[in-house]
Amino acid sequence: GRGIERVLDLGDLLSGPLHPRETCDRLIELGWPTIAG
């Protein structure tokens, strides 16, 4: 909605009792510059 396409991701991506596998697939698809937490 804001027209922003470039995104940077600072890690701690998946840990928790929710959707780690699905979130991982989404992030791989998005292809953002990402670091590990």
All heavy atoms as atom14 arrays in JSON, in Angstrom:
{
  "sequence": "GRGIERVLDLGDLLSGPLHPRETCDRLIELGWPTIAG",
  "atom14_mask": [
    [1, 1, 1, 1, 0, 0, 0, 0, 0, 0, 0, 0, 0, 0],
    [1, 1, 1, 1, 1, 1, 1, 1, 1, 1, 1, 0, 0, 0],
    [1, 1, 1, 1, 0, 0, 0, 0, 0, 0, 0, 0, 0, 0],
    [1, 1, 1, 1, 1, 1, 1, 1, 0, 0, 0, 0, 0, 0],
    [1, 1, 1, 1, 1, 1, 1, 1, 1, 0, 0, 0, 0, 0],
    [1, 1, 1, 1, 1, 1, 1, 1, 1, 1, 1, 0, 0, 0],
    [1, 1, 1, 1, 1, 1, 1, 0, 0, 0, 0, 0, 0, 0],
    [1, 1, 1, 1, 1, 1, 1, 1, 0, 0, 0, 0, 0, 0],
    [1, 1, 1, 1, 1, 1, 1, 1, 0, 0, 0, 0, 0, 0],
    [1, 1, 1, 1, 1, 1, 1, 1, 0, 0, 0, 0, 0, 0],
    [1, 1, 1, 1, 0, 0, 0, 0, 0, 0, 0, 0, 0, 0],
    [1, 1, 1, 1, 1, 1, 1, 1, 0, 0, 0, 0, 0, 0],
    [1, 1, 1, 1, 1, 1, 1, 1, 0, 0, 0, 0, 0, 0],
    [1, 1, 1, 1, 1, 1, 1, 1, 0, 0, 0, 0, 0, 0],
    [1, 1, 1, 1, 1, 1, 0, 0, 0, 0, 0, 0, 0, 0],
    [1, 1, 1, 1, 0, 0, 0, 0, 0, 0, 0, 0, 0, 0],
    [1, 1, 1, 1, 1, 1, 1, 0, 0, 0, 0, 0, 0, 0],
    [1, 1, 1, 1, 1, 1, 1, 1, 0, 0, 0, 0, 0, 0],
    [1, 1, 1, 1, 1, 1, 1, 1, 1, 1, 0, 0, 0, 0],
    [1, 1, 1, 1, 1, 1, 1, 0, 0, 0, 0, 0, 0, 0],
    [1, 1, 1, 1, 1, 1, 1, 1, 1, 1, 1, 0, 0, 0],
    [1, 1, 1, 1, 1, 1, 1, 1, 1, 0, 0, 0, 0, 0],
    [1, 1, 1, 1, 1, 1, 1, 0, 0, 0, 0, 0, 0, 0],
    [1, 1, 1, 1, 1, 1, 0, 0, 0, 0, 0, 0, 0, 0],
    [1, 1, 1, 1, 1, 1, 1, 1, 0, 0, 0, 0, 0, 0],
    [1, 1, 1, 1, 1, 1, 1, 1, 1, 1, 1, 0, 0, 0],
    [1, 1, 1, 1, 1, 1, 1, 1, 0, 0, 0, 0, 0, 0],
    [1, 1, 1, 1, 1, 1, 1, 1, 0, 0, 0, 0, 0, 0],
    [1, 1, 1, 1, 1, 1, 1, 1, 1, 0, 0, 0, 0, 0],
    [1, 1, 1, 1, 1, 1, 1, 1, 0, 0, 0, 0, 0, 0],
    [1, 1, 1, 1, 0, 0, 0, 0, 0, 0, 0, 0, 0, 0],
    [1, 1, 1, 1, 1, 1, 1, 1, 1, 1, 1, 1, 1, 1],
    [1, 1, 1, 1, 1, 1, 1, 0, 0, 0, 0, 0, 0, 0],
    [1, 1, 1, 1, 1, 1, 1, 0, 0, 0, 0, 0, 0, 0],
    [1, 1, 1, 1, 1, 1, 1, 1, 0, 0, 0, 0, 0, 0],
    [1, 1, 1, 1, 1, 0, 0, 0, 0, 0, 0, 0, 0, 0],
    [1, 1, 1, 1, 0, 0, 0, 0, 0, 0, 0, 0, 0, 0]
  ],
  "atom14_positions": [
    [[0.8, -1.22, 0.0], [0.0, 0.0, 0.0], [0.83, 1.26, 0.0], [0.37, 2.32, -0.45], [0.0, 0.0, 0.0], [0.0, 0.0, 0.0], [0.0, 0.0, 0.0], [0.0, 0.0, 0.0], [0.0, 0.0, 0.0], [0.0, 0.0, 0.0], [0.0, 0.0, 0.0], [0.0, 0.0, 0.0], [0.0, 0.0, 0.0], [0.0, 0.0, 0.0]],
    [[2.05, 1.17, 0.48], [2.95, 2.32, 0.52], [3.9, 2.36, -0.68], [4.72, 3.28, -0.78], [3.77, 2.3, 1.81], [2.94, 2.41, 3.09], [3.81, 2.16, 4.32], [3.03, 2.09, 5.54], [2.85, 3.13, 6.37], [3.39, 4.3, 6.08], [2.14, 2.98, 7.46], [0.0, 0.0, 0.0], [0.0, 0.0, 0.0], [0.0, 0.0, 0.0]],
    [[3.84, 1.35, -1.53], [4.7, 1.32, -2.7], [6.15, 1.03, -2.4], [7.04, 1.39, -3.19], [0.0, 0.0, 0.0], [0.0, 0.0, 0.0], [0.0, 0.0, 0.0], [0.0, 0.0, 0.0], [0.0, 0.0, 0.0], [0.0, 0.0, 0.0], [0.0, 0.0, 0.0], [0.0, 0.0, 0.0], [0.0, 0.0, 0.0], [0.0, 0.0, 0.0]],
    [[6.42, 0.34, -1.29], [7.8, 0.01, -0.92], [8.09, -1.42, -1.34], [7.37, -2.35, -0.97], [8.0, 0.17, 0.6], [7.76, 1.62, 1.0], [9.41, -0.27, 1.01], [7.8, 1.85, 2.5], [0.0, 0.0, 0.0], [0.0, 0.0, 0.0], [0.0, 0.0, 0.0], [0.0, 0.0, 0.0], [0.0, 0.0, 0.0], [0.0, 0.0, 0.0]],
    [[9.15, -1.59, -2.1], [9.49, -2.91, -2.62], [10.78, -3.47, -2.02], [10.96, -4.69, -2.01], [9.62, -2.85, -4.15], [8.32, -2.47, -4.84], [8.44, -2.47, -6.35], [9.58, -2.58, -6.84], [7.41, -2.34, -7.03], [0.0, 0.0, 0.0], [0.0, 0.0, 0.0], [0.0, 0.0, 0.0], [0.0, 0.0, 0.0], [0.0, 0.0, 0.0]],
    [[11.68, -2.62, -1.57], [12.94, -3.14, -1.01], [12.79, -3.33, 0.49], [12.39, -2.41, 1.21], [14.09, -2.18, -1.31], [15.44, -2.81, -0.99], [16.6, -1.93, -1.38], [17.85, -2.67, -1.26], [19.05, -2.11, -1.23], [19.16, -0.78, -1.32], [20.13, -2.84, -1.13], [0.0, 0.0, 0.0], [0.0, 0.0, 0.0], [0.0, 0.0, 0.0]],
    [[13.12, -4.53, 0.97], [12.96, -4.89, 2.37], [14.23, -5.57, 2.85], [14.79, -6.43, 2.15], [11.76, -5.83, 2.58], [11.56, -6.11, 4.07], [10.49, -5.24, 1.97], [0.0, 0.0, 0.0], [0.0, 0.0, 0.0], [0.0, 0.0, 0.0], [0.0, 0.0, 0.0], [0.0, 0.0, 0.0], [0.0, 0.0, 0.0], [0.0, 0.0, 0.0]],
    [[14.67, -5.23, 4.05], [15.81, -5.86, 4.7], [15.31, -6.59, 5.95], [14.48, -6.06, 6.68], [16.87, -4.82, 5.09], [17.35, -3.9, 3.96], [18.39, -2.91, 4.5], [17.91, -4.7, 2.8], [0.0, 0.0, 0.0], [0.0, 0.0, 0.0], [0.0, 0.0, 0.0], [0.0, 0.0, 0.0], [0.0, 0.0, 0.0], [0.0, 0.0, 0.0]],
    [[15.86, -7.77, 6.22], [15.37, -8.64, 7.3], [16.52, -8.95, 8.25], [17.56, -9.46, 7.84], [14.8, -9.93, 6.7], [14.04, -10.78, 7.7], [14.27, -10.62, 8.91], [13.23, -11.61, 7.27], [0.0, 0.0, 0.0], [0.0, 0.0, 0.0], [0.0, 0.0, 0.0], [0.0, 0.0, 0.0], [0.0, 0.0, 0.0], [0.0, 0.0, 0.0]],
    [[16.29, -8.69, 9.55], [17.35, -8.76, 10.55], [17.35, -10.03, 11.38], [18.03, -10.09, 12.4], [17.25, -7.54, 11.48], [17.27, -6.17, 10.78], [17.13, -5.05, 11.81], [18.54, -6.01, 9.95], [0.0, 0.0, 0.0], [0.0, 0.0, 0.0], [0.0, 0.0, 0.0], [0.0, 0.0, 0.0], [0.0, 0.0, 0.0], [0.0, 0.0, 0.0]],
    [[16.61, -11.06, 10.97], [16.77, -12.36, 11.61], [15.77, -12.69, 12.7], [14.84, -11.93, 12.98], [0.0, 0.0, 0.0], [0.0, 0.0, 0.0], [0.0, 0.0, 0.0], [0.0, 0.0, 0.0], [0.0, 0.0, 0.0], [0.0, 0.0, 0.0], [0.0, 0.0, 0.0], [0.0, 0.0, 0.0], [0.0, 0.0, 0.0], [0.0, 0.0, 0.0]],
    [[15.98, -13.84, 13.35], [15.01, -14.49, 14.25], [13.71, -14.7, 13.48], [12.66, -14.13, 13.78], [14.79, -13.71, 15.54], [15.87, -14.02, 16.58], [16.86, -14.72, 16.24], [15.74, -13.58, 17.73], [0.0, 0.0, 0.0], [0.0, 0.0, 0.0], [0.0, 0.0, 0.0], [0.0, 0.0, 0.0], [0.0, 0.0, 0.0], [0.0, 0.0, 0.0]],
    [[13.81, -15.56, 12.51], [12.79, -15.71, 11.48], [11.67, -16.67, 11.84], [10.5, -16.42, 11.51], [13.45, -16.21, 10.18], [14.67, -15.42, 9.71], [15.35, -16.16, 8.57], [14.27, -14.02, 9.3], [0.0, 0.0, 0.0], [0.0, 0.0, 0.0], [0.0, 0.0, 0.0], [0.0, 0.0, 0.0], [0.0, 0.0, 0.0], [0.0, 0.0, 0.0]],
    [[12.0, -17.78, 12.5], [11.08, -18.92, 12.53], [10.76, -19.44, 13.92], [9.74, -20.11, 14.1], [11.67, -20.08, 11.71], [12.16, -19.74, 10.31], [12.82, -20.96, 9.68], [11.03, -19.22, 9.44], [0.0, 0.0, 0.0], [0.0, 0.0, 0.0], [0.0, 0.0, 0.0], [0.0, 0.0, 0.0], [0.0, 0.0, 0.0], [0.0, 0.0, 0.0]],
    [[11.6, -19.21, 14.89], [11.48, -19.84, 16.19], [10.2, -19.43, 16.9], [9.92, -18.24, 17.05], [12.69, -19.47, 17.06], [12.6, -20.07, 18.33], [0.0, 0.0, 0.0], [0.0, 0.0, 0.0], [0.0, 0.0, 0.0], [0.0, 0.0, 0.0], [0.0, 0.0, 0.0], [0.0, 0.0, 0.0], [0.0, 0.0, 0.0], [0.0, 0.0, 0.0]],
    [[9.4, -20.41, 17.33], [8.14, -20.14, 18.01], [7.11, -21.2, 17.67], [7.31, -22.03, 16.76], [0.0, 0.0, 0.0], [0.0, 0.0, 0.0], [0.0, 0.0, 0.0], [0.0, 0.0, 0.0], [0.0, 0.0, 0.0], [0.0, 0.0, 0.0], [0.0, 0.0, 0.0], [0.0, 0.0, 0.0], [0.0, 0.0, 0.0], [0.0, 0.0, 0.0]],
    [[5.95, -21.18, 18.36], [4.95, -22.23, 18.22], [3.91, -21.96, 17.16], [2.74, -22.36, 17.29], [4.31, -22.25, 19.61], [4.32, -20.81, 20.02], [5.61, -20.26, 19.47], [0.0, 0.0, 0.0], [0.0, 0.0, 0.0], [0.0, 0.0, 0.0], [0.0, 0.0, 0.0], [0.0, 0.0, 0.0], [0.0, 0.0, 0.0], [0.0, 0.0, 0.0]],
    [[4.29, -21.29, 16.06], [3.3, -20.89, 15.06], [3.54, -21.63, 13.74], [3.24, -22.8, 13.64], [3.31, -19.37, 14.9], [2.99, -18.59, 16.19], [3.11, -17.1, 15.99], [1.61, -18.96, 16.71], [0.0, 0.0, 0.0], [0.0, 0.0, 0.0], [0.0, 0.0, 0.0], [0.0, 0.0, 0.0], [0.0, 0.0, 0.0], [0.0, 0.0, 0.0]],
    [[4.08, -20.97, 12.72], [4.2, -21.55, 11.39], [5.64, -21.45, 10.88], [5.92, -20.73, 9.9], [3.27, -20.85, 10.41], [1.82, -21.09, 10.64], [0.96, -20.1, 11.08], [1.07, -22.22, 10.52], [-0.26, -20.61, 11.2], [-0.22, -21.89, 10.86], [0.0, 0.0, 0.0], [0.0, 0.0, 0.0], [0.0, 0.0, 0.0], [0.0, 0.0, 0.0]],
    [[6.59, -22.15, 11.47], [7.98, -22.01, 11.02], [8.21, -22.45, 9.59], [8.9, -21.76, 8.82], [8.77, -22.89, 12.01], [7.77, -23.84, 12.58], [6.47, -23.08, 12.61], [0.0, 0.0, 0.0], [0.0, 0.0, 0.0], [0.0, 0.0, 0.0], [0.0, 0.0, 0.0], [0.0, 0.0, 0.0], [0.0, 0.0, 0.0], [0.0, 0.0, 0.0]],
    [[7.64, -23.6, 9.19], [7.89, -24.12, 7.85], [7.28, -23.22, 6.79], [7.93, -22.86, 5.8], [7.33, -25.54, 7.71], [7.59, -26.15, 6.34], [6.95, -27.52, 6.21], [7.53, -28.48, 7.14], [7.12, -29.73, 7.27], [6.09, -30.16, 6.55], [7.7, -30.55, 8.11], [0.0, 0.0, 0.0], [0.0, 0.0, 0.0], [0.0, 0.0, 0.0]],
    [[6.04, -22.81, 7.0], [5.36, -21.96, 6.02], [6.01, -20.58, 5.93], [6.12, -20.0, 4.84], [3.88, -21.83, 6.38], [3.12, -23.14, 6.34], [3.23, -23.96, 7.64], [4.03, -23.59, 8.54], [2.51, -24.96, 7.75], [0.0, 0.0, 0.0], [0.0, 0.0, 0.0], [0.0, 0.0, 0.0], [0.0, 0.0, 0.0], [0.0, 0.0, 0.0]],
    [[6.43, -20.06, 7.08], [7.1, -18.75, 7.08], [8.43, -18.84, 6.35], [8.8, -17.93, 5.59], [7.32, -18.28, 8.52], [6.06, -18.19, 9.19], [7.99, -16.91, 8.55], [0.0, 0.0, 0.0], [0.0, 0.0, 0.0], [0.0, 0.0, 0.0], [0.0, 0.0, 0.0], [0.0, 0.0, 0.0], [0.0, 0.0, 0.0], [0.0, 0.0, 0.0]],
    [[9.15, -19.93, 6.54], [10.42, -20.12, 5.84], [10.21, -20.14, 4.34], [10.94, -19.46, 3.59], [11.1, -21.4, 6.32], [12.81, -21.57, 5.76], [0.0, 0.0, 0.0], [0.0, 0.0, 0.0], [0.0, 0.0, 0.0], [0.0, 0.0, 0.0], [0.0, 0.0, 0.0], [0.0, 0.0, 0.0], [0.0, 0.0, 0.0], [0.0, 0.0, 0.0]],
    [[9.24, -20.87, 3.87], [8.97, -20.91, 2.42], [8.63, -19.53, 1.89], [9.06, -19.15, 0.79], [7.81, -21.87, 2.13], [8.23, -23.33, 2.16], [9.44, -23.61, 2.02], [7.35, -24.2, 2.33], [0.0, 0.0, 0.0], [0.0, 0.0, 0.0], [0.0, 0.0, 0.0], [0.0, 0.0, 0.0], [0.0, 0.0, 0.0], [0.0, 0.0, 0.0]],
    [[7.87, -18.77, 2.66], [7.49, -17.41, 2.21], [8.72, -16.52, 2.12], [8.87, -15.75, 1.15], [6.47, -16.82, 3.19], [5.86, -15.51, 2.7], [4.91, -15.76, 1.55], [4.1, -14.6, 1.25], [4.26, -13.84, 0.17], [5.23, -14.11, -0.71], [3.47, -12.8, -0.05], [0.0, 0.0, 0.0], [0.0, 0.0, 0.0], [0.0, 0.0, 0.0]],
    [[9.6, -16.61, 3.08], [10.79, -15.76, 3.07], [11.74, -16.15, 1.95], [12.35, -15.28, 1.31], [11.49, -15.83, 4.42], [10.73, -15.19, 5.59], [11.4, -15.51, 6.91], [10.59, -13.69, 5.39], [0.0, 0.0, 0.0], [0.0, 0.0, 0.0], [0.0, 0.0, 0.0], [0.0, 0.0, 0.0], [0.0, 0.0, 0.0], [0.0, 0.0, 0.0]],
    [[11.88, -17.44, 1.68], [12.7, -17.88, 0.56], [12.14, -17.31, -0.75], [12.87, -16.82, -1.61], [12.79, -19.41, 0.52], [13.59, -19.92, 1.72], [13.42, -19.88, -0.79], [13.55, -21.43, 1.89], [0.0, 0.0, 0.0], [0.0, 0.0, 0.0], [0.0, 0.0, 0.0], [0.0, 0.0, 0.0], [0.0, 0.0, 0.0], [0.0, 0.0, 0.0]],
    [[10.82, -17.36, -0.88], [10.16, -16.82, -2.07], [10.41, -15.32, -2.22], [10.64, -14.82, -3.33], [8.66, -17.11, -1.99], [7.83, -16.5, -3.1], [6.34, -16.62, -2.83], [5.94, -16.94, -1.7], [5.57, -16.38, -3.77], [0.0, 0.0, 0.0], [0.0, 0.0, 0.0], [0.0, 0.0, 0.0], [0.0, 0.0, 0.0], [0.0, 0.0, 0.0]],
    [[10.36, -14.6, -1.13], [10.51, -13.15, -1.18], [11.94, -12.74, -1.55], [12.15, -11.72, -2.22], [10.13, -12.54, 0.17], [8.63, -12.58, 0.48], [8.38, -12.31, 1.96], [7.87, -11.57, -0.37], [0.0, 0.0, 0.0], [0.0, 0.0, 0.0], [0.0, 0.0, 0.0], [0.0, 0.0, 0.0], [0.0, 0.0, 0.0], [0.0, 0.0, 0.0]],
    [[12.93, -13.5, -1.12], [14.31, -13.25, -1.53], [14.94, -11.98, -0.98], [15.84, -11.41, -1.6], [0.0, 0.0, 0.0], [0.0, 0.0, 0.0], [0.0, 0.0, 0.0], [0.0, 0.0, 0.0], [0.0, 0.0, 0.0], [0.0, 0.0, 0.0], [0.0, 0.0, 0.0], [0.0, 0.0, 0.0], [0.0, 0.0, 0.0], [0.0, 0.0, 0.0]],
    [[14.48, -11.52, 0.17], [15.05, -10.3, 0.76], [16.49, -10.51, 1.23], [16.85, -11.63, 1.65], [14.24, -9.89, 1.99], [12.83, -9.52, 1.74], [12.28, -9.04, 0.58], [11.76, -9.57, 2.69], [10.95, -8.79, 0.76], [10.6, -9.11, 2.04], [11.69, -9.96, 4.04], [9.38, -9.02, 2.69], [10.47, -9.88, 4.68], [9.32, -9.41, 4.02]],
    [[17.32, -9.47, 1.23], [18.58, -9.54, 1.96], [18.28, -9.83, 3.44], [17.55, -9.08, 4.09], [19.19, -8.15, 1.77], [18.56, -7.64, 0.5], [17.16, -8.19, 0.51], [0.0, 0.0, 0.0], [0.0, 0.0, 0.0], [0.0, 0.0, 0.0], [0.0, 0.0, 0.0], [0.0, 0.0, 0.0], [0.0, 0.0, 0.0], [0.0, 0.0, 0.0]],
    [[18.82, -10.92, 3.95], [18.44, -11.42, 5.27], [19.68, -11.89, 6.02], [20.56, -12.51, 5.44], [17.45, -12.6, 5.13], [16.28, -12.15, 4.44], [17.06, -13.16, 6.49], [0.0, 0.0, 0.0], [0.0, 0.0, 0.0], [0.0, 0.0, 0.0], [0.0, 0.0, 0.0], [0.0, 0.0, 0.0], [0.0, 0.0, 0.0], [0.0, 0.0, 0.0]],
    [[19.73, -11.6, 7.32], [20.8, -12.12, 8.16], [20.22, -13.11, 9.16], [19.01, -13.15, 9.39], [21.57, -10.99, 8.89], [20.63, -10.2, 9.82], [22.25, -10.07, 7.88], [21.36, -9.18, 10.69], [0.0, 0.0, 0.0], [0.0, 0.0, 0.0], [0.0, 0.0, 0.0], [0.0, 0.0, 0.0], [0.0, 0.0, 0.0], [0.0, 0.0, 0.0]],
    [[21.09, -13.88, 9.76], [20.69, -14.84, 10.78], [20.68, -14.17, 12.15], [21.59, -13.39, 12.47], [21.64, -16.03, 10.8], [0.0, 0.0, 0.0], [0.0, 0.0, 0.0], [0.0, 0.0, 0.0], [0.0, 0.0, 0.0], [0.0, 0.0, 0.0], [0.0, 0.0, 0.0], [0.0, 0.0, 0.0], [0.0, 0.0, 0.0], [0.0, 0.0, 0.0]],
    [[19.67, -14.49, 12.95], [19.66, -14.08, 14.35], [20.16, -15.21, 15.24], [20.52, -16.3, 14.76], [0.0, 0.0, 0.0], [0.0, 0.0, 0.0], [0.0, 0.0, 0.0], [0.0, 0.0, 0.0], [0.0, 0.0, 0.0], [0.0, 0.0, 0.0], [0.0, 0.0, 0.0], [0.0, 0.0, 0.0], [0.0, 0.0, 0.0], [0.0, 0.0, 0.0]]
  ]
}
